[in-house]
C-alpha atoms as a PDB file:
ATOM      1  CA  UNK A   1      -0.006   0.002  -0.004  1.00  0.00           C
ATOM      2  CA  UNK A   2       1.329   3.437  -0.895  1.00  0.00           C
ATOM      3  CA  UNK A   3       2.133   5.971   1.734  1.00  0.00           C
ATOM      4  CA  UNK A   4      -0.716   8.362   2.394  1.00  0.00           C
ATOM      5  CA  UNK A   5      -0.528  12.030   3.169  1.00  0.00           C
ATOM      6  CA  UNK A   6      -1.104  13.174   6.717  1.00  0.00           C
ATOM      7  CA  UNK A   7      -4.038  15.331   5.534  1.00  0.00           C
ATOM      8  CA  UNK A   8      -5.633  12.443   3.782  1.00  0.00           C
ATOM      9  CA  UNK A   9      -5.560  10.355   6.888  1.00  0.00           C
ATOM     10  CA  UNK A  10      -7.049  13.171   8.921  1.00  0.00           C
ATOM     11  CA  UNK A  11      -9.814  13.599   6.327  1.00  0.00           C
ATOM     12  CA  UNK A  12     -10.593   9.886   6.480  1.00  0.00           C
ATOM     13  CA  UNK A  13     -10.899  10.090  10.292  1.00  0.00           C
ATOM     14  CA  UNK A  14     -13.156  13.138   9.994  1.00  0.00           C
ATOM     15  CA  UNK A  15     -15.339  11.380   7.391  1.00  0.00           C
ATOM     16  CA  UNK A  16     -15.725   8.327   9.616  1.00  0.00           C
ATOM     17  CA  UNK A  17     -16.718  10.420  12.594  1.00  0.00           C
ATOM     18  CA  UNK A  18     -19.260  12.472  10.615  1.00  0.00           C
ATOM     19  CA  UNK A  19     -20.686   9.345   9.002  1.00  0.00           C
ATOM     20  CA  UNK A  20     -21.298   7.689  12.336  1.00  0.00           C
ATOM     21  CA  UNK A  21     -22.894  10.824  13.756  1.00  0.00           C
ATOM     22  CA  UNK A  22     -25.082  11.279  10.706  1.00  0.00           C
ATOM     23  CA  UNK A  23     -26.243   7.679  10.836  1.00  0.00           C
ATOM     24  CA  UNK A  24     -27.270   7.966  14.440  1.00  0.00           C
ATOM     25  CA  UNK A  25     -29.148  11.290  13.806  1.00  0.00           C
ATOM     26  CA  UNK A  26     -31.004   9.750  10.811  1.00  0.00           C
ATOM     27  CA  UNK A  27     -31.902   6.713  12.836  1.00  0.00           C
ATOM     28  CA  UNK A  28     -33.343   8.933  15.614  1.00  0.00           C
ATOM     29  CA  UNK A  29     -35.274  10.912  13.033  1.00  0.00           C
ATOM     30  CA  UNK A  30     -36.838   7.765  11.645  1.00  0.00           C
ATOM     31  CA  UNK A  31     -37.795   6.665  15.208  1.00  0.00           C
ATOM     32  CA  UNK A  32     -39.516   9.984  15.939  1.00  0.00           C
ATOM     33  CA  UNK A  33     -41.480   9.783  12.685  1.00  0.00           C
ATOM     34  CA  UNK A  34     -42.571   6.214  13.314  1.00  0.00           C
ATOM     35  CA  UNK A  35     -43.675   7.146  16.895  1.00  0.00           C
ATOM     36  CA  UNK A  36     -45.826  10.020  15.640  1.00  0.00           C
ATOM     37  CA  UNK A  37     -47.389   7.828  12.957  1.00  0.00           C
ATOM     38  CA  UNK A  38     -48.175   5.023  15.375  1.00  0.00           C
ATOM     39  CA  UNK A  39     -49.764   7.506  17.815  1.00  0.00           C
ATOM     40  CA  UNK A  40     -51.852   8.860  14.984  1.00  0.00           C
ATOM     41  CA  UNK A  41     -52.966   5.416  13.993  1.00  0.00           C
ATOM     42  CA  UNK A  42     -53.923   4.808  17.630  1.00  0.00           C
ATOM     43  CA  UNK A  43     -55.891   8.060  17.749  1.00  0.00           C
ATOM     44  CA  UNK A  44     -53.862   9.281  20.757  1.00  0.00           C
ATOM     45  CA  UNK A  45     -54.114  13.078  20.312  1.00  0.00           C
ATOM     46  CA  UNK A  46     -52.193  14.336  23.319  1.00  0.00           C
ATOM     47  CA  UNK A  47     -49.239  12.043  22.919  1.00  0.00           C
ATOM     48  CA  UNK A  48     -49.127  12.676  19.193  1.00  0.00           C
ATOM     49  CA  UNK A  49     -48.945  16.418  19.861  1.00  0.00           C
ATOM     50  CA  UNK A  50     -46.064  16.203  22.208  1.00  0.00           C
ATOM     51  CA  UNK A  51     -44.167  13.642  20.118  1.00  0.00           C
ATOM     52  CA  UNK A  52     -44.760  15.799  17.047  1.00  0.00           C
ATOM     53  CA  UNK A  53     -43.029  18.800  18.761  1.00  0.00           C
ATOM     54  CA  UNK A  54     -39.978  16.631  19.560  1.00  0.00           C
ATOM     55  CA  UNK A  55     -39.942  15.312  15.966  1.00  0.00           C
ATOM     56  CA  UNK A  56     -40.094  18.798  14.464  1.00  0.00           C
ATOM     57  CA  UNK A  57     -37.319  19.958  16.747  1.00  0.00           C
ATOM     58  CA  UNK A  58     -35.092  16.926  15.795  1.00  0.00           C
ATOM     59  CA  UNK A  59     -35.881  17.521  12.061  1.00  0.00           C
ATOM     60  CA  UNK A  60     -34.838  21.218  12.331  1.00  0.00           C
ATOM     61  CA  UNK A  61     -31.692  20.364  14.143  1.00  0.00           C
ATOM     62  CA  UNK A  62     -30.751  17.736  11.501  1.00  0.00           C
ATOM     63  CA  UNK A  63     -31.452  20.124   8.711  1.00  0.00           C
ATOM     64  CA  UNK A  64     -29.377  22.868  10.421  1.00  0.00           C
ATOM     65  CA  UNK A  65     -26.430  20.571  10.839  1.00  0.00           C
ATOM     66  CA  UNK A  66     -26.627  19.425   7.190  1.00  0.00           C
ATOM     67  CA  UNK A  67     -27.554  15.817   7.948  1.00  0.00           C
ATOM     68  CA  UNK A  68     -30.680  16.050   5.771  1.00  0.00           C
ATOM     69  CA  UNK A  69     -31.751  18.656   3.245  1.00  0.00           C
ATOM     70  CA  UNK A  70     -33.848  21.493   4.620  1.00  0.00           C
ATOM     71  CA  UNK A  71     -36.617  20.772   2.077  1.00  0.00           C
ATOM     72  CA  UNK A  72     -36.787  17.149   3.209  1.00  0.00           C
ATOM     73  CA  UNK A  73     -37.175  18.367   6.776  1.00  0.00           C
ATOM     74  CA  UNK A  74     -39.978  20.745   5.681  1.00  0.00           C
ATOM     75  CA  UNK A  75     -41.779  17.911   3.818  1.00  0.00           C
ATOM     76  CA  UNK A  76     -41.608  15.559   6.803  1.00  0.00           C
ATOM     77  CA  UNK A  77     -42.782  18.274   9.205  1.00  0.00           C
ATOM     78  CA  UNK A  78     -45.682  19.177   6.902  1.00  0.00           C
ATOM     79  CA  UNK A  79     -46.789  15.512   6.418  1.00  0.00           C
ATOM     80  CA  UNK A  80     -46.647  14.765  10.182  1.00  0.00           C
ATOM     81  CA  UNK A  81     -48.432  18.020  11.060  1.00  0.00           C
ATOM     82  CA  UNK A  82     -51.172  17.188   8.528  1.00  0.00           C
ATOM     83  CA  UNK A  83     -51.715  13.774  10.056  1.00  0.00           C
ATOM     84  CA  UNK A  84     -51.844  15.078  13.680  1.00  0.00           C
ATOM     85  CA  UNK A  85     -54.090  17.996  12.664  1.00  0.00           C
ATOM     86  CA  UNK A  86     -56.479  15.543  11.036  1.00  0.00           C
ATOM     87  CA  UNK A  87     -56.929  13.942  14.497  1.00  0.00           C
ATOM     88  CA  UNK A  88     -57.949  17.283  15.971  1.00  0.00           C
ATOM     89  CA  UNK A  89     -60.402  17.974  13.217  1.00  0.00           C
ATOM     90  CA  UNK A  90     -61.877  14.470  13.277  1.00  0.00           C
ATOM     91  CA  UNK A  91     -62.162  14.449  17.140  1.00  0.00           C
END
């Protein structure tokens, strides 16, 4: 194997750290979205509201850090908000 530059080795370490951080953030986002959707399917209005707030916050943070695209965060927030709002209108 050829000798690598010091800067290339540092870049590889940084990429690995960022990748692991991004994977964990994305996994947490998926968990929040699934929780909100399951609460909506169970017609649990109060829990869905509080979980939606946490999900929106997590989506905004992920978009701010560059883990996901801001438009994707906006789409997810709108879709989840629509589902939770439908519970309020239907109830």
